[in-house]
C-alpha cells in the first residue's frame, strides 16, 4: 500500500493526514499522540474512526495540523482519518456516517 493523504478541516484548523501500513503509531506534528493531546477525550476523538472500523493497529498515521484550538485540531484530524478509512473501504462510510463526521 502506498501512503494515503487526506485533509480534514474544522473551524480554522487544518489537518493533513498521511496513512500507511504499520503498527498503530500516531504522530502529530512530530510528537506522539499522548504528548500532543494530553487529555483522554481528545485522544479518543482522534482514535474514534480507527476504533469504529477495527483498524487501531493496522496503520501508522503521520499528521501535520495547524490553526484553530486544540479541540478543533482533534476534530480536523478525526475527519481526515475518517475520509482515509472511507477511501480504503466503501463499507466504512456506513459505519462512520451516523457518527456525524
Protein backbone atom coordinates (compact mmCIF):
# COMPACT_ATOMS: atom_id res chain seq x y z
CA UNK A 1 0.00 0.00 0.00
CA UNK A 2 1.21 3.46 -0.85
CA UNK A 3 0.91 6.40 1.52
CA UNK A 4 -2.65 7.75 1.54
CA UNK A 5 -3.02 11.54 2.01
CA UNK A 6 -6.23 13.22 3.18
CA UNK A 7 -7.14 16.66 4.51
CA UNK A 8 -9.63 17.47 7.26
CA UNK A 9 -10.86 20.91 8.31
CA UNK A 10 -12.76 22.05 11.37
CA UNK A 11 -13.35 25.73 12.11
CA UNK A 12 -9.91 27.24 11.37
CA UNK A 13 -7.88 24.07 12.00
CA UNK A 14 -6.45 22.17 9.01
CA UNK A 15 -5.07 18.65 9.33
CA UNK A 16 -3.08 16.76 6.72
CA UNK A 17 -3.04 13.02 7.43
CA UNK A 18 -0.62 10.52 5.88
CA UNK A 19 -1.71 6.91 6.35
CA UNK A 20 0.44 3.84 5.69
CA UNK A 21 0.52 0.25 6.84
CA UNK A 22 2.09 -0.16 10.26
CA UNK A 23 1.55 -0.95 13.90
CA UNK A 24 -0.88 1.75 15.00
CA UNK A 25 1.50 4.62 15.78
CA UNK A 26 0.05 8.13 15.54
CA UNK A 27 2.44 11.07 15.25
CA UNK A 28 1.10 14.63 15.33
CA UNK A 29 3.46 17.49 14.45
CA UNK A 30 6.44 15.17 15.16
CA UNK A 31 5.12 14.29 18.64
CA UNK A 32 3.38 11.15 19.87
CA UNK A 33 -0.39 11.49 20.24
CA UNK A 34 -0.14 11.19 24.03
CA UNK A 35 2.33 14.09 24.13
CA UNK A 36 0.38 16.32 21.75
CA UNK A 37 -3.12 15.70 23.17
CA UNK A 38 -2.75 15.29 26.91
CA UNK A 39 -6.43 14.60 27.67
CA UNK A 40 -8.05 11.21 27.07
CA UNK A 41 -11.07 12.90 25.46
CA UNK A 42 -9.02 14.43 22.64
CA UNK A 43 -7.06 11.19 22.15
CA UNK A 44 -10.39 9.35 21.90
CA UNK A 45 -11.67 11.79 19.25
CA UNK A 46 -8.60 11.17 17.10
CA UNK A 47 -8.78 7.37 17.52
CA UNK A 48 -12.56 7.10 17.05
CA UNK A 49 -12.60 6.34 13.28
CA UNK A 50 -9.92 3.67 13.75
CA UNK A 51 -11.77 2.04 16.65
CA UNK A 52 -15.12 2.00 14.84
CA UNK A 53 -13.58 0.36 11.75
CA UNK A 54 -11.37 -2.05 13.78
CA UNK A 55 -8.11 -0.59 12.40
CA UNK A 56 -6.43 0.55 15.64
CA UNK A 57 -3.24 -1.45 15.00
CA UNK A 58 -3.30 -1.63 11.20
CA UNK A 59 -1.91 1.75 10.13
CA UNK A 60 0.79 4.23 11.10
CA UNK A 61 -0.51 7.79 10.85
CA UNK A 62 1.53 10.97 10.50
CA UNK A 63 -0.34 14.25 10.93
CA UNK A 64 0.54 17.87 10.23
CA UNK A 65 -2.03 20.14 11.84
CA UNK A 66 -2.15 23.91 12.32
CA UNK A 67 -4.59 26.67 13.14
CA UNK A 68 -7.52 26.74 15.49
CA UNK A 69 -7.67 25.49 19.03
CA UNK A 70 -6.77 22.10 20.40
CA UNK A 71 -10.31 20.69 20.11
CA UNK A 72 -10.72 21.93 16.55
CA UNK A 73 -7.40 20.32 15.67
CA UNK A 74 -8.51 16.97 17.13
CA UNK A 75 -11.77 17.12 15.18
CA UNK A 76 -9.97 18.06 11.95
CA UNK A 77 -7.67 15.05 12.40
CA UNK A 78 -10.69 12.83 13.07
CA UNK A 79 -12.33 13.98 9.84
CA UNK A 80 -9.18 13.38 7.78
CA UNK A 81 -8.76 9.86 9.22
CA UNK A 82 -12.45 9.15 8.52
CA UNK A 83 -12.01 10.22 4.91
CA UNK A 84 -8.99 7.93 4.58
CA UNK A 85 -10.94 4.99 6.06
CA UNK A 86 -13.77 5.61 3.57
CA UNK A 87 -11.34 5.63 0.65
CA UNK A 88 -9.79 2.34 1.75
CA UNK A 89 -13.14 0.58 2.05
CA UNK A 90 -16.52 1.94 0.93
CA UNK A 91 -18.29 -0.06 3.65
CA UNK A 92 -16.60 2.12 6.29
CA UNK A 93 -18.72 5.07 5.18
CA UNK A 94 -21.86 3.39 6.52
CA UNK A 95 -20.11 2.82 9.86
CA UNK A 96 -18.71 6.33 10.20
CA UNK A 97 -21.50 8.45 8.69
CA UNK A 98 -24.06 8.01 11.51
CA UNK A 99 -21.47 9.41 13.95
CA UNK A 100 -21.82 12.88 12.32
CA UNK A 101 -18.37 13.28 10.82
